[in-house]
Amino acid sequence: MRRTAPHSMFYVSRPTPMEAPCRTTAPVAVLMDPRLPEIRGKRSACPTASRPEWRRRARSRSSSPRSSLLASFTLIELLVVIAILAILAGLLTPALKRARDAARTTACLNNLRQIGIALQAYLNDSANRMPVLNNRSNRTDHLPALDTILLPEGSRQVFQCPSDKAGIFEETGCSYFWNFTVNGQDASRLFSVVGGDNVTMIPLVSDKEGFHPYQKDQVNILYADGRASKELKFSVILNPSP
């Protein structure tokens, strides 16, 4: 004869109309536990009870205006934005090149001032006589030049113009041209075919080529009065004034 367990030892949990069913199956040992009233009081803590609310929140977030805005961003609009950025870049590129050349011009003028200081130191040691220098066409030429006489032990970068992209410094050892018409002259009574006897207009050192295309005259010059400038202010005079 089959024995039936007392009705009080089993408890079947049924969901109330206002409560979501819990899908967690309790083991048999729990169902036979004499503390069933306590367990029954805790059944509202089922983790699945709040799942519908979480789903509603996720659905509301997915349908937010920001998501719809991103979804409506088409390929044509993206191409239009890229085209606008390309146009702006094209407009800004010349300005950036001019700003970069202006910085290189300033560095070149500083080099010329340093050469002028070295020339003044040479004059102090040579009874105010101008040096006899040449413009070498190659580094291998063993001739006195700016980079070998004025600053033989100094930094050679002083003789390189930052805008010298033609490799003149690498080939000849100097990016600057020396006015050889003043070789050996008394510095207090200078005369040059270019500039005459006016020291404010006699160029001593200048760029060998037009390294600065955004400037009016494209070259920087060191004048006999020690002034470094990017303006050409001299005339050709064949005979000195009496």
Protein backbone atom coordinates (compact mmCIF):
# COMPACT_ATOMS: atom_id res chain seq x y z
CA MET A 1 0.00 0.00 0.00
CA ARG A 2 1.45 3.38 -1.02
CA ARG A 3 2.01 5.74 1.83
CA THR A 4 1.13 9.35 1.32
CA ALA A 5 2.97 12.13 3.11
CA PRO A 6 0.97 14.44 5.31
CA HIS A 7 -0.46 17.46 3.54
CA SER A 8 1.23 19.82 5.98
CA MET A 9 4.71 18.75 4.86
CA PHE A 10 4.35 20.15 1.34
CA TYR A 11 3.77 23.66 0.13
CA VAL A 12 3.05 24.73 -3.43
CA SER A 13 3.80 28.38 -4.14
CA ARG A 14 1.32 30.07 -6.44
CA PRO A 15 1.86 33.57 -7.81
CA THR A 16 -0.54 36.23 -6.72
CA PRO A 17 -2.25 38.31 -9.43
CA MET A 18 -0.04 41.40 -8.70
CA GLU A 19 3.27 39.49 -8.57
CA ALA A 20 5.45 38.19 -11.41
CA PRO A 21 6.12 34.43 -11.19
CA CYS A 22 9.54 33.42 -10.01
CA ARG A 23 11.22 30.93 -12.33
CA THR A 24 13.62 29.74 -9.65
CA THR A 25 12.78 26.18 -8.62
CA ALA A 26 13.34 25.48 -4.93
CA PRO A 27 14.90 22.13 -3.98
CA VAL A 28 12.82 19.46 -2.21
CA ALA A 29 14.79 19.95 1.02
CA VAL A 30 13.61 23.53 1.15
CA LEU A 31 10.02 22.55 0.56
CA MET A 32 10.17 20.10 3.45
CA ASP A 33 11.78 22.65 5.77
CA PRO A 34 9.54 23.39 8.80
CA ARG A 35 10.37 27.11 8.37
CA LEU A 36 8.18 27.39 5.26
CA PRO A 37 6.30 30.48 6.49
CA GLU A 38 9.57 32.43 6.66
CA ILE A 39 10.57 31.28 3.20
CA ARG A 40 7.14 32.22 1.91
CA GLY A 41 7.55 35.71 3.27
CA LYS A 42 10.78 36.15 1.37
CA ARG A 43 9.58 34.95 -1.99
CA SER A 44 8.91 38.52 -3.14
CA ALA A 45 12.69 38.97 -3.33
CA CYS A 46 12.87 37.00 -6.53
CA PRO A 47 15.51 38.58 -8.83
CA THR A 48 13.29 38.15 -11.86
CA ALA A 49 10.57 40.35 -10.46
CA SER A 50 12.30 43.54 -11.57
CA ARG A 51 13.23 42.29 -15.02
CA PRO A 52 10.24 43.79 -16.85
CA GLU A 53 11.05 47.20 -15.37
CA TRP A 54 14.69 46.90 -16.55
CA ARG A 55 13.52 45.98 -20.03
CA ARG A 56 11.23 49.00 -20.11
CA ARG A 57 14.14 51.27 -19.14
CA ALA A 58 16.43 49.79 -21.79
CA ARG A 59 13.69 50.26 -24.38
CA SER A 60 13.21 53.87 -23.34
CA ARG A 61 16.95 54.55 -23.59
CA SER A 62 17.19 53.03 -27.06
CA SER A 63 14.40 55.29 -28.27
CA SER A 64 16.01 58.51 -26.95
CA PRO A 65 16.43 61.56 -29.28
CA ARG A 66 20.22 61.11 -29.31
CA SER A 67 19.95 57.59 -30.72
CA SER A 68 17.49 58.72 -33.37
CA LEU A 69 19.81 61.60 -34.29
CA LEU A 70 22.74 59.26 -34.81
CA ALA A 71 20.60 56.93 -36.84
CA SER A 72 19.48 59.76 -39.09
CA PHE A 73 23.10 60.87 -39.85
CA THR A 74 23.40 59.78 -43.49
CA LEU A 75 26.43 59.15 -45.68
CA ILE A 76 25.72 62.28 -47.74
CA GLU A 77 25.87 64.46 -44.65
CA LEU A 78 29.16 62.83 -43.65
CA LEU A 79 30.63 63.59 -47.09
CA VAL A 80 29.48 67.20 -46.82
CA VAL A 81 31.25 67.58 -43.47
CA ILE A 82 34.46 66.05 -44.90
CA ALA A 83 34.30 68.43 -47.88
CA ILE A 84 33.93 71.45 -45.58
CA LEU A 85 36.92 70.33 -43.52
CA ALA A 86 38.98 69.89 -46.69
CA ILE A 87 38.12 73.43 -47.83
CA LEU A 88 39.10 74.86 -44.44
CA ALA A 89 42.39 72.96 -44.54
CA GLY A 90 43.10 74.35 -48.01
CA LEU A 91 42.49 77.89 -46.78
CA LEU A 92 44.70 77.48 -43.72
CA THR A 93 47.66 75.80 -45.45
CA PRO A 94 49.12 79.00 -47.04
CA ALA A 95 48.80 80.85 -43.75
CA LEU A 96 50.61 78.05 -41.93
CA LYS A 97 53.39 78.10 -44.54
CA ARG A 98 53.82 81.84 -44.12
CA ALA A 99 53.96 81.49 -40.35
CA ARG A 100 56.60 78.76 -40.67
CA ASP A 101 58.66 80.85 -43.08
CA ALA A 102 58.41 83.85 -40.74
CA ALA A 103 59.89 81.74 -37.94
CA ARG A 104 62.72 80.60 -40.22
CA THR A 105 63.34 84.19 -41.27
CA THR A 106 63.75 85.20 -37.64
CA ALA A 107 66.24 82.37 -37.08
CA CYS A 108 68.15 83.41 -40.22
CA LEU A 109 68.39 87.01 -39.03
CA ASN A 110 69.73 85.79 -35.70
CA ASN A 111 72.41 83.83 -37.57
CA LEU A 112 73.46 86.98 -39.43
CA ARG A 113 73.67 88.94 -36.18
CA GLN A 114 75.91 86.25 -34.71
CA ILE A 115 78.14 86.45 -37.78
CA GLY A 116 78.28 90.24 -37.35
CA ILE A 117 79.40 89.83 -33.73
CA ALA A 118 82.10 87.38 -34.82
CA LEU A 119 83.23 89.83 -37.53
CA GLN A 120 83.52 92.64 -34.97
CA ALA A 121 85.65 90.39 -32.75
CA TYR A 122 87.89 89.68 -35.75
CA LEU A 123 88.28 93.40 -36.45
CA ASN A 124 89.33 94.01 -32.87
CA ASP A 125 92.14 91.48 -33.29
CA SER A 126 93.25 92.60 -36.78
CA ALA A 127 93.79 96.38 -36.42
CA ASN A 128 90.30 97.09 -37.82
CA ARG A 129 91.09 95.40 -41.14
CA MET A 130 88.44 93.43 -42.96
CA PRO A 131 89.23 89.76 -43.48
CA VAL A 132 90.08 88.35 -46.90
CA LEU A 133 87.42 85.72 -47.51
CA ASN A 134 86.14 83.68 -50.44
CA ASN A 135 82.85 82.05 -51.33
CA ARG A 136 83.71 78.40 -51.69
CA SER A 137 81.92 76.26 -54.25
CA ASN A 138 82.75 73.08 -52.40
CA ARG A 139 83.65 72.05 -48.87
CA THR A 140 86.88 70.51 -50.11
CA ASP A 141 88.22 73.91 -51.27
CA HIS A 142 90.98 74.94 -48.85
CA LEU A 143 90.22 78.65 -49.05
CA PRO A 144 89.53 81.15 -46.24
CA ALA A 145 85.76 81.54 -45.90
CA LEU A 146 83.18 82.72 -43.43
CA ASP A 147 82.86 79.36 -41.72
CA THR A 148 86.62 78.75 -41.51
CA ILE A 149 87.86 82.20 -40.37
CA LEU A 150 85.19 83.92 -38.30
CA LEU A 151 84.00 81.00 -36.22
CA PRO A 152 86.46 78.15 -36.78
CA GLU A 153 85.65 76.55 -33.41
CA GLY A 154 82.06 77.72 -32.99
CA SER A 155 78.77 76.11 -33.91
CA ARG A 156 78.59 75.51 -37.65
CA GLN A 157 74.80 75.78 -37.55
CA VAL A 158 75.22 79.57 -37.46
CA PHE A 159 76.24 79.40 -41.13
CA GLN A 160 73.16 77.41 -42.16
CA CYS A 161 69.99 79.24 -43.08
CA PRO A 162 66.94 77.33 -41.77
CA SER A 163 65.25 77.85 -45.15
CA ASP A 164 68.19 76.45 -47.11
CA LYS A 165 66.43 73.47 -48.70
CA ALA A 166 68.69 73.37 -51.77
CA GLY A 167 71.57 71.73 -49.90
CA ILE A 168 73.93 74.69 -50.35
CA PHE A 169 75.14 74.47 -46.76
CA GLU A 170 75.88 70.76 -47.11
CA GLU A 171 77.75 71.36 -50.38
CA THR A 172 79.73 74.54 -49.67
CA GLY A 173 79.75 74.69 -45.85
CA CYS A 174 77.85 78.00 -45.70
CA SER A 175 74.42 79.28 -46.77
CA TYR A 176 75.60 82.92 -46.79
CA PHE A 177 77.47 84.99 -49.37
CA TRP A 178 80.39 87.23 -48.41
CA ASN A 179 80.84 90.60 -50.14
CA PHE A 180 84.42 90.04 -51.30
CA THR A 181 84.73 93.61 -52.64
CA VAL A 182 85.55 94.78 -49.08
CA ASN A 183 88.38 92.28 -48.58
CA GLY A 184 91.34 93.76 -46.68
CA GLN A 185 89.85 97.28 -46.42
CA ASP A 186 89.94 99.53 -43.40
CA ALA A 187 86.63 99.01 -41.64
CA SER A 188 86.38 102.72 -40.81
CA ARG A 189 86.62 103.71 -44.51
CA LEU A 190 84.78 101.02 -46.36
CA PHE A 191 83.83 101.27 -50.02
CA SER A 192 81.87 98.74 -52.03
CA VAL A 193 80.54 98.68 -55.54
CA VAL A 194 77.25 97.78 -53.96
CA GLY A 195 76.34 100.51 -51.49
CA GLY A 196 79.24 102.94 -52.05
CA ASP A 197 80.81 104.35 -48.90
CA ASN A 198 77.62 104.47 -46.84
CA VAL A 199 78.05 101.78 -44.16
CA THR A 200 74.27 101.61 -43.66
CA MET A 201 73.90 100.47 -47.28
CA ILE A 202 76.96 98.23 -47.75
CA PRO A 203 75.91 94.56 -47.58
CA LEU A 204 78.54 92.33 -46.02
CA VAL A 205 76.76 88.96 -45.73
CA SER A 206 73.55 87.79 -47.38
CA ASP A 207 71.71 84.63 -48.35
CA LYS A 208 73.29 82.91 -51.34
CA GLU A 209 69.84 82.38 -52.88
CA GLY A 210 66.26 83.50 -52.33
CA PHE A 211 65.57 81.15 -49.44
CA HIS A 212 62.52 83.10 -48.25
CA PRO A 213 59.85 83.10 -50.98
CA TYR A 214 57.21 84.85 -48.84
CA GLN A 215 59.42 87.92 -48.39
CA LYS A 216 59.48 90.78 -50.82
CA ASP A 217 63.19 90.45 -51.66
CA GLN A 218 63.49 86.78 -50.59
CA VAL A 219 66.90 87.31 -48.91
CA ASN A 220 68.25 88.50 -45.56
CA ILE A 221 71.27 90.81 -45.35
CA LEU A 222 73.86 91.85 -42.78
CA TYR A 223 74.95 95.46 -43.42
CA ALA A 224 78.28 97.05 -42.52
CA ASP A 225 76.77 98.91 -39.58
CA GLY A 226 75.92 95.57 -37.92
CA ARG A 227 72.24 95.65 -38.80
CA ALA A 228 70.54 92.47 -40.03
CA SER A 229 67.52 93.12 -42.23
CA LYS A 230 65.28 91.47 -44.79
CA GLU A 231 65.11 94.60 -46.96
CA LEU A 232 67.43 95.47 -49.83
CA LYS A 233 68.51 99.10 -49.46
CA PHE A 234 71.57 99.82 -51.56
CA SER A 235 72.59 101.05 -55.00
CA VAL A 236 75.48 100.24 -57.34
CA ILE A 237 78.28 102.83 -57.30
CA LEU A 238 81.33 102.33 -59.49
CA ASN A 239 83.62 105.11 -58.17
CA PRO A 240 84.12 106.22 -54.55
CA SER A 241 83.25 109.78 -53.62
CA PRO A 242 86.30 112.16 -53.41
